[in-house]
Amino acid sequence: MMGRKKKKPADKKVTLETGLKELFVQYVGAKLSPTNGEVTVEMCVDVFAEEFPDFLMLVAEENFMRGYRQALQDSDELSKAQSHPQGYYSDPLDYYSKDDAFTSD
């Protein structure tokens, strides 16, 4: 692969799998008139940003919050793993508190 430029996901050609995608790709194609006739994901994002920014902002905000939440959760898990002398939950029974312990009848 020496010499071949790796494509970014945004450069991917959009495939028409649903009615909405087809409608939107046709709209973007008509608006931007790409020289090769192909509409890319990046073109779609650009048109969305220009014509429907409030929708794109909502998606971006939700994505940010999910990422932030995941980072906090990962940080918490790492803290727990580092504070446990033999590794986090090295014994499966460590996962359960004494109140949750199994009892035999």
PDB file of N, CA and C in Angstrom:
ATOM      1  N   MET A   1       0.816  -1.200   0.000  1.00  0.00           N
ATOM      2  CA  MET A   1       0.000   0.000   0.000  1.00  0.00           C
ATOM      3  C   MET A   1       0.852   1.253   0.000  1.00  0.00           C
ATOM      4  N   MET A   2       2.075   1.121  -0.328  1.00  0.00           N
ATOM      5  CA  MET A   2       2.946   2.295  -0.381  1.00  0.00           C
ATOM      6  C   MET A   2       2.401   3.254  -1.430  1.00  0.00           C
ATOM      7  N   GLY A   3       2.363   4.385  -1.460  1.00  0.00           N
ATOM      8  CA  GLY A   3       1.922   5.245  -2.533  1.00  0.00           C
ATOM      9  C   GLY A   3       0.415   5.449  -2.642  1.00  0.00           C
ATOM     10  N   ARG A   4      -0.381   4.555  -2.071  1.00  0.00           N
ATOM     11  CA  ARG A   4      -1.839   4.738  -2.112  1.00  0.00           C
ATOM     12  C   ARG A   4      -2.270   5.552  -0.913  1.00  0.00           C
ATOM     13  N   LYS A   5      -3.040   6.579  -1.177  1.00  0.00           N
ATOM     14  CA  LYS A   5      -3.534   7.438  -0.097  1.00  0.00           C
ATOM     15  C   LYS A   5      -4.743   6.771   0.547  1.00  0.00           C
ATOM     16  N   LYS A   6      -4.715   6.665   1.880  1.00  0.00           N
ATOM     17  CA  LYS A   6      -5.831   6.059   2.597  1.00  0.00           C
ATOM     18  C   LYS A   6      -7.006   7.039   2.632  1.00  0.00           C
ATOM     19  N   LYS A   7      -8.181   6.536   2.280  1.00  0.00           N
ATOM     20  CA  LYS A   7      -9.381   7.374   2.282  1.00  0.00           C
ATOM     21  C   LYS A   7      -9.883   7.576   3.703  1.00  0.00           C
ATOM     22  N   LYS A   8     -10.378   8.767   3.967  1.00  0.00           N
ATOM     23  CA  LYS A   8     -11.007   9.066   5.248  1.00  0.00           C
ATOM     24  C   LYS A   8     -12.465   8.619   5.168  1.00  0.00           C
ATOM     25  N   PRO A   9     -13.085   8.298   6.309  1.00  0.00           N
ATOM     26  CA  PRO A   9     -14.507   7.929   6.277  1.00  0.00           C
ATOM     27  C   PRO A   9     -15.384   8.990   5.618  1.00  0.00           C
ATOM     28  N   ALA A  10     -15.006  10.248   5.761  1.00  0.00           N
ATOM     29  CA  ALA A  10     -15.801  11.327   5.168  1.00  0.00           C
ATOM     30  C   ALA A  10     -15.746  11.314   3.649  1.00  0.00           C
ATOM     31  N   ASP A  11     -14.715  10.664   3.079  1.00  0.00           N
ATOM     32  CA  ASP A  11     -14.572  10.591   1.625  1.00  0.00           C
ATOM     33  C   ASP A  11     -15.363   9.429   1.021  1.00  0.00           C
ATOM     34  N   LYS A  12     -15.949   8.625   1.871  1.00  0.00           N
ATOM     35  CA  LYS A  12     -16.687   7.457   1.399  1.00  0.00           C
ATOM     36  C   LYS A  12     -17.908   7.884   0.577  1.00  0.00           C
ATOM     37  N   LYS A  13     -18.092   7.216  -0.548  1.00  0.00           N
ATOM     38  CA  LYS A  13     -19.261   7.487  -1.382  1.00  0.00           C
ATOM     39  C   LYS A  13     -20.504   6.983  -0.648  1.00  0.00           C
ATOM     40  N   VAL A  14     -21.557   7.746  -0.699  1.00  0.00           N
ATOM     41  CA  VAL A  14     -22.805   7.378  -0.029  1.00  0.00           C
ATOM     42  C   VAL A  14     -23.551   6.359  -0.886  1.00  0.00           C
ATOM     43  N   THR A  15     -23.982   5.275  -0.236  1.00  0.00           N
ATOM     44  CA  THR A  15     -24.798   4.280  -0.937  1.00  0.00           C
ATOM     45  C   THR A  15     -26.264   4.547  -0.625  1.00  0.00           C
ATOM     46  N   LEU A  16     -27.120   4.267  -1.576  1.00  0.00           N
ATOM     47  CA  LEU A  16     -28.549   4.561  -1.423  1.00  0.00           C
ATOM     48  C   LEU A  16     -29.284   3.317  -0.922  1.00  0.00           C
ATOM     49  N   GLU A  17     -29.499   3.258   0.378  1.00  0.00           N
ATOM     50  CA  GLU A  17     -30.158   2.099   0.977  1.00  0.00           C
ATOM     51  C   GLU A  17     -31.570   2.410   1.465  1.00  0.00           C
ATOM     52  N   THR A  18     -31.863   3.682   1.653  1.00  0.00           N
ATOM     53  CA  THR A  18     -33.195   4.068   2.146  1.00  0.00           C
ATOM     54  C   THR A  18     -33.716   5.242   1.324  1.00  0.00           C
ATOM     55  N   GLY A  19     -34.982   5.454   1.412  1.00  0.00           N
ATOM     56  CA  GLY A  19     -35.607   6.559   0.696  1.00  0.00           C
ATOM     57  C   GLY A  19     -35.075   7.914   1.130  1.00  0.00           C
ATOM     58  N   LEU A  20     -34.861   8.087   2.429  1.00  0.00           N
ATOM     59  CA  LEU A  20     -34.362   9.364   2.934  1.00  0.00           C
ATOM     60  C   LEU A  20     -32.947   9.623   2.426  1.00  0.00           C
ATOM     61  N   LYS A  21     -32.100   8.589   2.457  1.00  0.00           N
ATOM     62  CA  LYS A  21     -30.739   8.743   1.942  1.00  0.00           C
ATOM     63  C   LYS A  21     -30.763   9.124   0.467  1.00  0.00           C
ATOM     64  N   GLU A  22     -31.592   8.463  -0.283  1.00  0.00           N
ATOM     65  CA  GLU A  22     -31.685   8.740  -1.717  1.00  0.00           C
ATOM     66  C   GLU A  22     -32.119  10.186  -1.954  1.00  0.00           C
ATOM     67  N   LEU A  23     -33.130  10.616  -1.226  1.00  0.00           N
ATOM     68  CA  LEU A  23     -33.625  11.987  -1.348  1.00  0.00           C
ATOM     69  C   LEU A  23     -32.536  12.994  -0.996  1.00  0.00           C
ATOM     70  N   PHE A  24     -31.851  12.749   0.099  1.00  0.00           N
ATOM     71  CA  PHE A  24     -30.834  13.687   0.555  1.00  0.00           C
ATOM     72  C   PHE A  24     -29.622  13.707  -0.377  1.00  0.00           C
ATOM     73  N   VAL A  25     -29.197  12.541  -0.842  1.00  0.00           N
ATOM     74  CA  VAL A  25     -28.055  12.475  -1.761  1.00  0.00           C
ATOM     75  C   VAL A  25     -28.390  13.191  -3.071  1.00  0.00           C
ATOM     76  N   GLN A  26     -29.605  13.020  -3.540  1.00  0.00           N
ATOM     77  CA  GLN A  26     -30.018  13.734  -4.750  1.00  0.00           C
ATOM     78  C   GLN A  26     -29.988  15.251  -4.515  1.00  0.00           C
ATOM     79  N   TYR A  27     -30.449  15.669  -3.357  1.00  0.00           N
ATOM     80  CA  TYR A  27     -30.458  17.087  -3.015  1.00  0.00           C
ATOM     81  C   TYR A  27     -29.029  17.635  -2.966  1.00  0.00           C
ATOM     82  N   VAL A  28     -28.140  16.908  -2.267  1.00  0.00           N
ATOM     83  CA  VAL A  28     -26.745  17.339  -2.148  1.00  0.00           C
ATOM     84  C   VAL A  28     -26.078  17.353  -3.523  1.00  0.00           C
ATOM     85  N   GLY A  29     -26.332  16.323  -4.309  1.00  0.00           N
ATOM     86  CA  GLY A  29     -25.768  16.271  -5.661  1.00  0.00           C
ATOM     87  C   GLY A  29     -26.206  17.444  -6.510  1.00  0.00           C
ATOM     88  N   ALA A  30     -27.482  17.794  -6.434  1.00  0.00           N
ATOM     89  CA  ALA A  30     -28.003  18.925  -7.207  1.00  0.00           C
ATOM     90  C   ALA A  30     -27.422  20.246  -6.705  1.00  0.00           C
ATOM     91  N   LYS A  31     -27.250  20.356  -5.402  1.00  0.00           N
ATOM     92  CA  LYS A  31     -26.733  21.600  -4.811  1.00  0.00           C
ATOM     93  C   LYS A  31     -25.251  21.795  -5.099  1.00  0.00           C
ATOM     94  N   LEU A  32     -24.459  20.717  -4.985  1.00  0.00           N
ATOM     95  CA  LEU A  32     -23.005  20.854  -5.110  1.00  0.00           C
ATOM     96  C   LEU A  32     -22.461  20.488  -6.489  1.00  0.00           C
ATOM     97  N   SER A  33     -23.218  19.749  -7.255  1.00  0.00           N
ATOM     98  CA  SER A  33     -22.797  19.310  -8.593  1.00  0.00           C
ATOM     99  C   SER A  33     -21.351  18.797  -8.633  1.00  0.00           C
ATOM    100  N   PRO A  34     -21.060  17.690  -7.928  1.00  0.00           N
ATOM    101  CA  PRO A  34     -19.686  17.166  -7.935  1.00  0.00           C
ATOM    102  C   PRO A  34     -19.263  16.770  -9.347  1.00  0.00           C
ATOM    103  N   THR A  35     -17.991  17.037  -9.666  1.00  0.00           N
ATOM    104  CA  THR A  35     -17.506  16.797 -11.030  1.00  0.00           C
ATOM    105  C   THR A  35     -17.579  15.327 -11.428  1.00  0.00           C
ATOM    106  N   ASN A  36     -17.342  14.419 -10.482  1.00  0.00           N
ATOM    107  CA  ASN A  36     -17.386  12.988 -10.807  1.00  0.00           C
ATOM    108  C   ASN A  36     -18.779  12.393 -10.596  1.00  0.00           C
ATOM    109  N   GLY A  37     -19.735  13.204 -10.153  1.00  0.00           N
ATOM    110  CA  GLY A  37     -21.101  12.735  -9.963  1.00  0.00           C
ATOM    111  C   GLY A  37     -21.335  11.963  -8.673  1.00  0.00           C
ATOM    112  N   GLU A  38     -20.281  11.782  -7.867  1.00  0.00           N
ATOM    113  CA  GLU A  38     -20.420  11.036  -6.614  1.00  0.00           C
ATOM    114  C   GLU A  38     -20.583  11.992  -5.436  1.00  0.00           C
ATOM    115  N   VAL A  39     -21.506  11.641  -4.551  1.00  0.00           N
ATOM    116  CA  VAL A  39     -21.734  12.422  -3.338  1.00  0.00           C
ATOM    117  C   VAL A  39     -21.070  11.677  -2.183  1.00  0.00           C
ATOM    118  N   THR A  40     -20.238  12.398  -1.421  1.00  0.00           N
ATOM    119  CA  THR A  40     -19.543  11.785  -0.286  1.00  0.00           C
ATOM    120  C   THR A  40     -20.232  12.158   1.022  1.00  0.00           C
ATOM    121  N   VAL A  41     -19.872  11.443   2.066  1.00  0.00           N
ATOM    122  CA  VAL A  41     -20.414  11.728   3.398  1.00  0.00           C
ATOM    123  C   VAL A  41     -20.039  13.151   3.811  1.00  0.00           C
ATOM    124  N   GLU A  42     -18.818  13.546   3.505  1.00  0.00           N
ATOM    125  CA  GLU A  42     -18.373  14.899   3.864  1.00  0.00           C
ATOM    126  C   GLU A  42     -19.243  15.966   3.198  1.00  0.00           C
ATOM    127  N   MET A  43     -19.609  15.754   1.958  1.00  0.00           N
ATOM    128  CA  MET A  43     -20.486  16.704   1.260  1.00  0.00           C
ATOM    129  C   MET A  43     -21.831  16.796   1.979  1.00  0.00           C
ATOM    130  N   CYS A  44     -22.351  15.655   2.394  1.00  0.00           N
ATOM    131  CA  CYS A  44     -23.641  15.630   3.102  1.00  0.00           C
ATOM    132  C   CYS A  44     -23.549  16.398   4.417  1.00  0.00           C
ATOM    133  N   VAL A  45     -22.459  16.191   5.155  1.00  0.00           N
ATOM    134  CA  VAL A  45     -22.273  16.901   6.427  1.00  0.00           C
ATOM    135  C   VAL A  45     -22.188  18.399   6.186  1.00  0.00           C
ATOM    136  N   ASP A  46     -21.451  18.792   5.156  1.00  0.00           N
ATOM    137  CA  ASP A  46     -21.322  20.231   4.844  1.00  0.00           C
ATOM    138  C   ASP A  46     -22.677  20.860   4.541  1.00  0.00           C
ATOM    139  N   VAL A  47     -23.490  20.179   3.756  1.00  0.00           N
ATOM    140  CA  VAL A  47     -24.810  20.716   3.416  1.00  0.00           C
ATOM    141  C   VAL A  47     -25.702  20.746   4.652  1.00  0.00           C
ATOM    142  N   PHE A  48     -25.638  19.691   5.469  1.00  0.00           N
ATOM    143  CA  PHE A  48     -26.430  19.675   6.706  1.00  0.00           C
ATOM    144  C   PHE A  48     -26.012  20.833   7.609  1.00  0.00           C
ATOM    145  N   ALA A  49     -24.703  21.052   7.739  1.00  0.00           N
ATOM    146  CA  ALA A  49     -24.203  22.128   8.602  1.00  0.00           C
ATOM    147  C   ALA A  49     -24.684  23.491   8.121  1.00  0.00           C
ATOM    148  N   GLU A  50     -24.757  23.642   6.837  1.00  0.00           N
ATOM    149  CA  GLU A  50     -25.184  24.919   6.258  1.00  0.00           C
ATOM    150  C   GLU A  50     -26.689  25.125   6.356  1.00  0.00           C
ATOM    151  N   GLU A  51     -27.455  24.062   6.109  1.00  0.00           N
ATOM    152  CA  GLU A  51     -28.899  24.219   5.981  1.00  0.00           C
ATOM    153  C   GLU A  51     -29.728  23.741   7.176  1.00  0.00           C
ATOM    154  N   PHE A  52     -29.128  22.926   8.049  1.00  0.00           N
ATOM    155  CA  PHE A  52     -29.881  22.401   9.188  1.00  0.00           C
ATOM    156  C   PHE A  52     -28.934  22.274  10.393  1.00  0.00           C
ATOM    157  N   PRO A  53     -28.277  23.392  10.772  1.00  0.00           N
ATOM    158  CA  PRO A  53     -27.263  23.336  11.825  1.00  0.00           C
ATOM    159  C   PRO A  53     -27.798  22.901  13.189  1.00  0.00           C
ATOM    160  N   ASP A  54     -29.046  23.229  13.501  1.00  0.00           N
ATOM    161  CA  ASP A  54     -29.577  22.849  14.812  1.00  0.00           C
ATOM    162  C   ASP A  54     -29.665  21.327  14.954  1.00  0.00           C
ATOM    163  N   PHE A  55     -29.964  20.623  13.890  1.00  0.00           N
ATOM    164  CA  PHE A  55     -29.999  19.161  13.933  1.00  0.00           C
ATOM    165  C   PHE A  55     -28.588  18.609  14.148  1.00  0.00           C
ATOM    166  N   LEU A  56     -27.636  19.131  13.384  1.00  0.00           N
ATOM    167  CA  LEU A  56     -26.262  18.660  13.487  1.00  0.00           C
ATOM    168  C   LEU A  56     -25.682  18.959  14.875  1.00  0.00           C
ATOM    169  N   MET A  57     -26.011  20.109  15.447  1.00  0.00           N
ATOM    170  CA  MET A  57     -25.543  20.453  16.796  1.00  0.00           C
ATOM    171  C   MET A  57     -26.103  19.493  17.838  1.00  0.00           C
ATOM    172  N   LEU A  58     -27.354  19.114  17.688  1.00  0.00           N
ATOM    173  CA  LEU A  58     -27.957  18.167  18.619  1.00  0.00           C
ATOM    174  C   LEU A  58     -27.219  16.826  18.578  1.00  0.00           C
ATOM    175  N   VAL A  59     -26.914  16.362  17.385  1.00  0.00           N
ATOM    176  CA  VAL A  59     -26.177  15.106  17.227  1.00  0.00           C
ATOM    177  C   VAL A  59     -24.777  15.242  17.825  1.00  0.00           C
ATOM    178  N   ALA A  60     -24.107  16.362  17.562  1.00  0.00           N
ATOM    179  CA  ALA A  60     -22.758  16.588  18.086  1.00  0.00           C
ATOM    180  C   ALA A  60     -22.763  16.655  19.617  1.00  0.00           C
ATOM    181  N   GLU A  61     -23.737  17.342  20.184  1.00  0.00           N
ATOM    182  CA  GLU A  61     -23.833  17.451  21.643  1.00  0.00           C
ATOM    183  C   GLU A  61     -24.066  16.084  22.274  1.00  0.00           C
ATOM    184  N   GLU A  62     -24.948  15.305  21.694  1.00  0.00           N
ATOM    185  CA  GLU A  62     -25.233  13.971  22.223  1.00  0.00           C
ATOM    186  C   GLU A  62     -23.983  13.093  22.141  1.00  0.00           C
ATOM    187  N   ASN A  63     -23.279  13.181  21.028  1.00  0.00           N
ATOM    188  CA  ASN A  63     -22.050  12.413  20.853  1.00  0.00           C
ATOM    189  C   ASN A  63     -21.004  12.832  21.892  1.00  0.00           C
ATOM    190  N   PHE A  64     -20.877  14.126  22.142  1.00  0.00           N
ATOM    191  CA  PHE A  64     -19.936  14.628  23.127  1.00  0.00           C
ATOM    192  C   PHE A  64     -20.287  14.096  24.521  1.00  0.00           C
ATOM    193  N   MET A  65     -21.561  14.183  24.882  1.00  0.00           N
ATOM    194  CA  MET A  65     -21.982  13.735  26.219  1.00  0.00           C
ATOM    195  C   MET A  65     -21.748  12.236  26.402  1.00  0.00           C
ATOM    196  N   ARG A  66     -22.020  11.446  25.380  1.00  0.00           N
ATOM    197  CA  ARG A  66     -21.775  10.006  25.480  1.00  0.00           C
ATOM    198  C   ARG A  66     -20.286   9.725  25.661  1.00  0.00           C
ATOM    199  N   GLY A  67     -19.461  10.434  24.906  1.00  0.00           N
ATOM    200  CA  GLY A  67     -18.010  10.267  25.028  1.00  0.00           C
ATOM    201  C   GLY A  67     -17.516  10.682  26.399  1.00  0.00           C
ATOM    202  N   TYR A  68     -18.029  11.794  26.912  1.00  0.00           N
ATOM    203  CA  TYR A  68     -17.644  12.292  28.229  1.00  0.00           C
ATOM    204  C   TYR A  68     -18.049  11.295  29.313  1.00  0.00           C
ATOM    205  N   ARG A  69     -19.266  10.783  29.204  1.00  0.00           N
ATOM    206  CA  ARG A  69     -19.759   9.790  30.171  1.00  0.00           C
ATOM    207  C   ARG A  69     -18.881   8.534  30.150  1.00  0.00           C
ATOM    208  N   GLN A  70     -18.530   8.085  28.941  1.00  0.00           N
ATOM    209  CA  GLN A  70     -17.694   6.896  28.801  1.00  0.00           C
ATOM    210  C   GLN A  70     -16.302   7.140  29.391  1.00  0.00           C
ATOM    211  N   ALA A  71     -15.756   8.333  29.193  1.00  0.00           N
ATOM    212  CA  ALA A  71     -14.437   8.667  29.739  1.00  0.00           C
ATOM    213  C   ALA A  71     -14.466   8.638  31.266  1.00  0.00           C
ATOM    214  N   LEU A  72     -15.518   9.180  31.861  1.00  0.00           N
ATOM    215  CA  LEU A  72     -15.648   9.148  33.319  1.00  0.00           C
ATOM    216  C   LEU A  72     -15.757   7.715  33.830  1.00  0.00           C
ATOM    217  N   GLN A  73     -16.529   6.911  33.127  1.00  0.00           N
ATOM    218  CA  GLN A  73     -16.689   5.513  33.518  1.00  0.00           C
ATOM    219  C   GLN A  73     -15.353   4.763  33.390  1.00  0.00           C
ATOM    220  N   ASP A  74     -14.644   4.999  32.302  1.00  0.00           N
ATOM    221  CA  ASP A  74     -13.343   4.355  32.111  1.00  0.00           C
ATOM    222  C   ASP A  74     -12.362   4.780  33.194  1.00  0.00           C
ATOM    223  N   SER A  75     -12.375   6.063  33.539  1.00  0.00           N
ATOM    224  CA  SER A  75     -11.495   6.582  34.577  1.00  0.00           C
ATOM    225  C   SER A  75     -11.806   5.926  35.920  1.00  0.00           C
ATOM    226  N   ASP A  76     -13.084   5.781  36.211  1.00  0.00           N
ATOM    227  CA  ASP A  76     -13.533   5.119  37.440  1.00  0.00           C
ATOM    228  C   ASP A  76     -13.029   3.676  37.489  1.00  0.00           C
ATOM    229  N   GLU A  77     -13.204   2.959  36.391  1.00  0.00           N
ATOM    230  CA  GLU A  77     -12.772   1.558  36.321  1.00  0.00           C
ATOM    231  C   GLU A  77     -11.258   1.449  36.488  1.00  0.00           C
ATOM    232  N   LEU A  78     -10.509   2.355  35.870  1.00  0.00           N
ATOM    233  CA  LEU A  78      -9.056   2.345  35.982  1.00  0.00           C
ATOM    234  C   LEU A  78      -8.634   2.600  37.416  1.00  0.00           C
ATOM    235  N   SER A  79      -9.302   3.540  38.075  1.00  0.00           N
ATOM    236  CA  SER A  79      -9.008   3.836  39.479  1.00  0.00           C
ATOM    237  C   SER A  79      -9.229   2.609  40.351  1.00  0.00           C
ATOM    238  N   LYS A  80     -10.341   1.936  40.136  1.00  0.00           N
ATOM    239  CA  LYS A  80     -10.643   0.724  40.910  1.00  0.00           C
ATOM    240  C   LYS A  80      -9.607  -0.357  40.636  1.00  0.00           C
ATOM    241  N   ALA A  81      -9.216  -0.511  39.382  1.00  0.00           N
ATOM    242  CA  ALA A  81      -8.251  -1.548  39.007  1.00  0.00           C
ATOM    243  C   ALA A  81      -6.895  -1.269  39.638  1.00  0.00           C
ATOM    244  N   GLN A  82      -6.492  -0.008  39.678  1.00  0.00           N
ATOM    245  CA  GLN A  82      -5.193   0.336  40.237  1.00  0.00           C
ATOM    246  C   GLN A  82      -5.178   0.253  41.755  1.00  0.00           C
ATOM    247  N   SER A  83      -6.313   0.408  42.388  1.00  0.00           N
ATOM    248  CA  SER A  83      -6.357   0.366  43.850  1.00  0.00           C
ATOM    249  C   SER A  83      -6.488  -1.053  44.389  1.00  0.00           C
ATOM    250  N   HIS A  84      -6.842  -1.997  43.565  1.00  0.00           N
ATOM    251  CA  HIS A  84      -6.966  -3.394  43.982  1.00  0.00           C
ATOM    252  C   HIS A  84      -5.602  -4.057  43.842  1.00  0.00           C
ATOM    253  N   PRO A  85      -5.062  -4.618  44.928  1.00  0.00           N
ATOM    254  CA  PRO A  85      -3.689  -5.134  44.909  1.00  0.00           C
ATOM    255  C   PRO A  85      -3.425  -6.230  43.865  1.00  0.00           C
ATOM    256  N   GLN A  86      -4.388  -7.066  43.567  1.00  0.00           N
ATOM    257  CA  GLN A  86      -4.156  -8.170  42.637  1.00  0.00           C
ATOM    258  C   GLN A  86      -4.894  -7.975  41.321  1.00  0.00           C
ATOM    259  N   GLY A  87      -5.286  -6.772  41.045  1.00  0.00           N
ATOM    260  CA  GLY A  87      -6.029  -6.528  39.816  1.00  0.00           C
ATOM    261  C   GLY A  87      -7.510  -6.457  40.118  1.00  0.00           C
ATOM    262  N   TYR A  88      -8.212  -5.787  39.286  1.00  0.00           N
ATOM    263  CA  TYR A  88      -9.641  -5.560  39.483  1.00  0.00           C
ATOM    264  C   TYR A  88     -10.405  -6.856  39.345  1.00  0.00           C
ATOM    265  N   TYR A  89     -11.097  -7.246  40.388  1.00  0.00           N
ATOM    266  CA  TYR A  89     -11.919  -8.449  40.409  1.00  0.00           C
ATOM    267  C   TYR A  89     -11.117  -9.680  39.965  1.00  0.00           C
ATOM    268  N   SER A  90      -9.923  -9.851  40.528  1.00  0.00           N
ATOM    269  CA  SER A  90      -9.142 -11.024  40.160  1.00  0.00           C
ATOM    270  C   SER A  90      -9.856 -12.298  40.604  1.00  0.00           C
ATOM    271  N   ASP A  91     -10.628 -12.203  41.657  1.00  0.00           N
ATOM    272  CA  ASP A  91     -11.448 -13.324  42.103  1.00  0.00           C
ATOM    273  C   ASP A  91     -12.896 -12.961  41.799  1.00  0.00           C
ATOM    274  N   PRO A  92     -13.597 -13.774  40.996  1.00  0.00           N
ATOM    275  CA  PRO A  92     -14.975 -13.439  40.630  1.00  0.00           C
ATOM    276  C   PRO A  92     -15.875 -13.162  41.825  1.00  0.00           C
ATOM    277  N   LEU A  93     -15.568 -13.768  42.975  1.00  0.00           N
ATOM    278  CA  LEU A  93     -16.412 -13.543  44.149  1.00  0.00           C
ATOM    279  C   LEU A  93     -16.194 -12.161  44.750  1.00  0.00           C
ATOM    280  N   ASP A  94     -15.083 -11.494  44.400  1.00  0.00           N
ATOM    281  CA  ASP A  94     -14.849 -10.130  44.878  1.00  0.00           C
ATOM    282  C   ASP A  94     -15.885  -9.169  44.321  1.00  0.00           C
ATOM    283  N   TYR A  95     -16.487  -9.548  43.223  1.00  0.00           N
ATOM    284  CA  TYR A  95     -17.470  -8.696  42.576  1.00  0.00           C
ATOM    285  C   TYR A  95     -18.691  -8.491  43.469  1.00  0.00           C
ATOM    286  N   TYR A  96     -19.021  -9.499  44.246  1.00  0.00           N
ATOM    287  CA  TYR A  96     -20.218  -9.446  45.083  1.00  0.00           C
ATOM    288  C   TYR A  96     -19.873  -8.935  46.469  1.00  0.00           C
ATOM    289  N   SER A  97     -20.742  -8.129  47.030  1.00  0.00           N
ATOM    290  CA  SER A  97     -20.536  -7.676  48.405  1.00  0.00           C
ATOM    291  C   SER A  97     -20.955  -8.803  49.336  1.00  0.00           C
ATOM    292  N   LYS A  98     -20.595  -8.679  50.594  1.00  0.00           N
ATOM    293  CA  LYS A  98     -20.949  -9.720  51.563  1.00  0.00           C
ATOM    294  C   LYS A  98     -22.468  -9.862  51.695  1.00  0.00           C
ATOM    295  N   ASP A  99     -23.201  -8.774  51.483  1.00  0.00           N
ATOM    296  CA  ASP A  99     -24.659  -8.813  51.557  1.00  0.00           C
ATOM    297  C   ASP A  99     -25.252  -9.632  50.407  1.00  0.00           C
ATOM    298  N   ASP A 100     -24.513  -9.698  49.282  1.00  0.00           N
ATOM    299  CA  ASP A 100     -24.993 -10.418  48.109  1.00  0.00           C
ATOM    300  C   ASP A 100     -24.518 -11.862  48.102  1.00  0.00           C
ATOM    301  N   ALA A 101     -23.782 -12.252  49.136  1.00  0.00           N
ATOM    302  CA  ALA A 101     -23.146 -13.568  49.144  1.00  0.00           C
ATOM    303  C   ALA A 101     -24.201 -14.663  48.968  1.00  0.00           C
ATOM    304  N   PHE A 102     -23.793 -15.703  48.291  1.00  0.00           N
ATOM    305  CA  PHE A 102     -24.684 -16.833  48.093  1.00  0.00           C
ATOM    306  C   PHE A 102     -24.799 -17.614  49.390  1.00  0.00           C
ATOM    307  N   THR A 103     -25.994 -18.061  49.686  1.00  0.00           N
ATOM    308  CA  THR A 103     -26.195 -18.868  50.899  1.00  0.00           C
ATOM    309  C   THR A 103     -26.768 -20.197  50.493  1.00  0.00           C
ATOM    310  N   SER A 104     -26.410 -21.206  51.236  1.00  0.00           N
ATOM    311  CA  SER A 104     -26.988 -22.530  50.955  1.00  0.00           C
ATOM    312  C   SER A 104     -28.097 -22.786  51.951  1.00  0.00           C
ATOM    313  N   ASP A 105     -29.137 -23.368  51.488  1.00  0.00           N
ATOM    314  CA  ASP A 105     -30.296 -23.644  52.343  1.00  0.00           C
ATOM    315  C   ASP A 105     -30.196 -25.015  52.939  1.00  0.00           C
TER     316      ASP A 105
END
